[in-house]
Amino acid sequence: MNIMRKAGAGIALTGSLLLGGGALAGPAVAAPNQTQDGLINVAIGDVTILEDVNIGVAAQVAANICGVKVGPVAVLGQAVDRTGAPATVCTTDQGPITLRQN
C-alpha cells in the first residue's frame, strides 16, 4: 500500500510539472505568413503606380525616377519582398518613392 501511495504521488508530481512547464512556456505563435513571390508594388507618395510587378521591373522604374543605379534598388526590392517592410528609394517633389510588399 505504501508503494502505491508513493507511485501515485510521483505520477501526480510529474503531471503537475509537465502542466506547469507548459503554462510557463505559453502557446507557440506562428510568424506572419509572408509571401515571397518576387512581386512588389511601387508608390509615389500614397499613390501606387505599379502593382504586383516583378522586382526587376519595379527596381528599373524606381531607379529611373530617382536617378540611381538599378542594382541597389533591386536588392532593396528583394528585402521588401522577403520581410514585408516597405523601403524608400528616394524622395521627389511628388513624394517618397517606396517599394512595398504586394
C-alpha atoms as a PDB file:
ATOM      1  CA  MET A   1       0.000   0.000   0.000  1.00  0.00           C
ATOM      2  CA  ASN A   2       2.867   2.353   0.826  1.00  0.00           C
ATOM      3  CA  ILE A   3       4.379   1.718  -2.626  1.00  0.00           C
ATOM      4  CA  MET A   4       1.082   2.592  -4.311  1.00  0.00           C
ATOM      5  CA  ARG A   5       0.885   5.955  -2.481  1.00  0.00           C
ATOM      6  CA  LYS A   6       4.462   6.819  -3.455  1.00  0.00           C
ATOM      7  CA  ALA A   7       3.822   5.851  -7.067  1.00  0.00           C
ATOM      8  CA  GLY A   8       0.614   7.893  -7.136  1.00  0.00           C
ATOM      9  CA  ALA A   9       2.357  10.908  -5.624  1.00  0.00           C
ATOM     10  CA  GLY A  10       5.175  10.609  -8.159  1.00  0.00           C
ATOM     11  CA  ILE A  11       2.710  10.478 -11.053  1.00  0.00           C
ATOM     12  CA  ALA A  12       0.806  13.479  -9.699  1.00  0.00           C
ATOM     13  CA  LEU A  13       4.037  15.450  -9.243  1.00  0.00           C
ATOM     14  CA  THR A  14       5.235  14.582 -12.741  1.00  0.00           C
ATOM     15  CA  GLY A  15       1.892  15.601 -14.235  1.00  0.00           C
ATOM     16  CA  SER A  16       1.881  18.928 -12.419  1.00  0.00           C
ATOM     17  CA  LEU A  17       5.444  19.649 -13.533  1.00  0.00           C
ATOM     18  CA  LEU A  18       4.531  18.922 -17.128  1.00  0.00           C
ATOM     19  CA  LEU A  19       1.438  21.096 -16.982  1.00  0.00           C
ATOM     20  CA  GLY A  20       3.223  23.842 -15.085  1.00  0.00           C
ATOM     21  CA  GLY A  21       6.105  23.886 -17.545  1.00  0.00           C
ATOM     22  CA  GLY A  22       3.693  24.120 -20.448  1.00  0.00           C
ATOM     23  CA  ALA A  23       1.886  27.024 -18.820  1.00  0.00           C
ATOM     24  CA  LEU A  24       5.169  28.917 -18.380  1.00  0.00           C
ATOM     25  CA  ALA A  25       6.220  28.379 -21.961  1.00  0.00           C
ATOM     26  CA  GLY A  26       2.887  29.533 -23.366  1.00  0.00           C
ATOM     27  CA  PRO A  27       1.448  28.611 -26.732  1.00  0.00           C
ATOM     28  CA  ALA A  28       3.649  28.771 -29.787  1.00  0.00           C
ATOM     29  CA  VAL A  29       2.848  31.728 -32.003  1.00  0.00           C
ATOM     30  CA  ALA A  30       3.385  31.320 -35.708  1.00  0.00           C
ATOM     31  CA  ALA A  31       5.218  34.049 -37.570  1.00  0.00           C
ATOM     32  CA  PRO A  32       3.116  36.061 -40.005  1.00  0.00           C
ATOM     33  CA  ASN A  33       2.922  34.386 -43.372  1.00  0.00           C
ATOM     34  CA  GLN A  34       4.989  36.497 -45.758  1.00  0.00           C
ATOM     35  CA  THR A  35       4.509  35.633 -49.398  1.00  0.00           C
ATOM     36  CA  GLN A  36       7.833  35.793 -51.206  1.00  0.00           C
ATOM     37  CA  ASP A  37       6.599  35.709 -54.765  1.00  0.00           C
ATOM     38  CA  GLY A  38       9.091  38.053 -56.418  1.00  0.00           C
ATOM     39  CA  LEU A  39       6.404  40.703 -56.896  1.00  0.00           C
ATOM     40  CA  ILE A  40       6.235  44.108 -55.209  1.00  0.00           C
ATOM     41  CA  ASN A  41       4.474  47.465 -55.580  1.00  0.00           C
ATOM     42  CA  VAL A  42       5.985  50.876 -56.337  1.00  0.00           C
ATOM     43  CA  ALA A  43       4.378  54.019 -54.953  1.00  0.00           C
ATOM     44  CA  ILE A  44       4.938  57.736 -55.229  1.00  0.00           C
ATOM     45  CA  GLY A  45       3.672  59.257 -52.011  1.00  0.00           C
ATOM     46  CA  ASP A  46       0.426  57.444 -51.258  1.00  0.00           C
ATOM     47  CA  VAL A  47      -0.330  56.602 -54.906  1.00  0.00           C
ATOM     48  CA  THR A  48       0.605  53.143 -56.165  1.00  0.00           C
ATOM     49  CA  ILE A  49       1.991  53.464 -59.693  1.00  0.00           C
ATOM     50  CA  LEU A  50       2.938  49.794 -60.211  1.00  0.00           C
ATOM     51  CA  GLU A  51       1.153  46.899 -58.558  1.00  0.00           C
ATOM     52  CA  ASP A  52       2.254  43.257 -58.371  1.00  0.00           C
ATOM     53  CA  VAL A  53       5.256  43.688 -60.676  1.00  0.00           C
ATOM     54  CA  ASN A  54       8.491  41.728 -60.876  1.00  0.00           C
ATOM     55  CA  ILE A  55      11.214  43.044 -58.564  1.00  0.00           C
ATOM     56  CA  GLY A  56      13.460  43.755 -61.576  1.00  0.00           C
ATOM     57  CA  VAL A  57      10.818  45.871 -63.299  1.00  0.00           C
ATOM     58  CA  ALA A  58       9.997  47.715 -60.079  1.00  0.00           C
ATOM     59  CA  ALA A  59      13.690  48.370 -59.483  1.00  0.00           C
ATOM     60  CA  GLN A  60      14.166  49.698 -63.027  1.00  0.00           C
ATOM     61  CA  VAL A  61      11.228  52.093 -62.740  1.00  0.00           C
ATOM     62  CA  ALA A  62      12.171  53.327 -59.249  1.00  0.00           C
ATOM     63  CA  ALA A  63      15.825  53.737 -60.264  1.00  0.00           C
ATOM     64  CA  ASN A  64      14.823  55.754 -63.354  1.00  0.00           C
ATOM     65  CA  ILE A  65      12.575  58.043 -61.316  1.00  0.00           C
ATOM     66  CA  CYS A  66      15.232  58.521 -58.625  1.00  0.00           C
ATOM     67  CA  GLY A  67      18.220  58.738 -60.985  1.00  0.00           C
ATOM     68  CA  VAL A  68      20.141  55.944 -59.217  1.00  0.00           C
ATOM     69  CA  LYS A  69      21.632  52.606 -60.245  1.00  0.00           C
ATOM     70  CA  VAL A  70      19.265  49.657 -60.591  1.00  0.00           C
ATOM     71  CA  GLY A  71      21.352  47.067 -58.694  1.00  0.00           C
ATOM     72  CA  PRO A  72      20.990  48.511 -55.186  1.00  0.00           C
ATOM     73  CA  VAL A  73      17.290  49.186 -55.775  1.00  0.00           C
ATOM     74  CA  ALA A  74      16.787  45.545 -56.833  1.00  0.00           C
ATOM     75  CA  VAL A  75      18.480  44.378 -53.623  1.00  0.00           C
ATOM     76  CA  LEU A  76      16.172  46.692 -51.692  1.00  0.00           C
ATOM     77  CA  GLY A  77      13.205  45.210 -53.567  1.00  0.00           C
ATOM     78  CA  GLN A  78      14.248  41.681 -52.612  1.00  0.00           C
ATOM     79  CA  ALA A  79      14.410  42.728 -48.964  1.00  0.00           C
ATOM     80  CA  VAL A  80      10.911  44.223 -49.206  1.00  0.00           C
ATOM     81  CA  ASP A  81       9.585  41.000 -50.742  1.00  0.00           C
ATOM     82  CA  ARG A  82      11.299  38.899 -48.055  1.00  0.00           C
ATOM     83  CA  THR A  83      10.398  40.953 -44.959  1.00  0.00           C
ATOM     84  CA  GLY A  84       7.238  42.789 -45.965  1.00  0.00           C
ATOM     85  CA  ALA A  85       8.653  46.076 -44.632  1.00  0.00           C
ATOM     86  CA  PRO A  86       8.356  48.989 -47.098  1.00  0.00           C
ATOM     87  CA  ALA A  87      11.512  50.807 -48.190  1.00  0.00           C
ATOM     88  CA  THR A  88      12.002  54.318 -49.552  1.00  0.00           C
ATOM     89  CA  VAL A  89      14.280  54.587 -52.583  1.00  0.00           C
ATOM     90  CA  CYS A  90      14.341  58.392 -52.742  1.00  0.00           C
ATOM     91  CA  THR A  91      12.170  61.444 -52.180  1.00  0.00           C
ATOM     92  CA  THR A  92      10.844  63.574 -55.041  1.00  0.00           C
ATOM     93  CA  ASP A  93       8.703  66.727 -55.175  1.00  0.00           C
ATOM     94  CA  GLN A  94       5.683  64.428 -55.601  1.00  0.00           C
ATOM     95  CA  GLY A  95       6.568  62.383 -52.502  1.00  0.00           C
ATOM     96  CA  PRO A  96       8.746  59.454 -51.479  1.00  0.00           C
ATOM     97  CA  ILE A  97       9.307  56.613 -53.959  1.00  0.00           C
ATOM     98  CA  THR A  98       8.632  53.468 -51.949  1.00  0.00           C
ATOM     99  CA  LEU A  99       8.771  49.773 -52.614  1.00  0.00           C
ATOM    100  CA  ARG A 100       6.061  47.781 -50.807  1.00  0.00           C
ATOM    101  CA  GLN A 101       5.076  44.148 -50.424  1.00  0.00           C
ATOM    102  CA  ASN A 102       2.215  43.233 -52.754  1.00  0.00           C
END
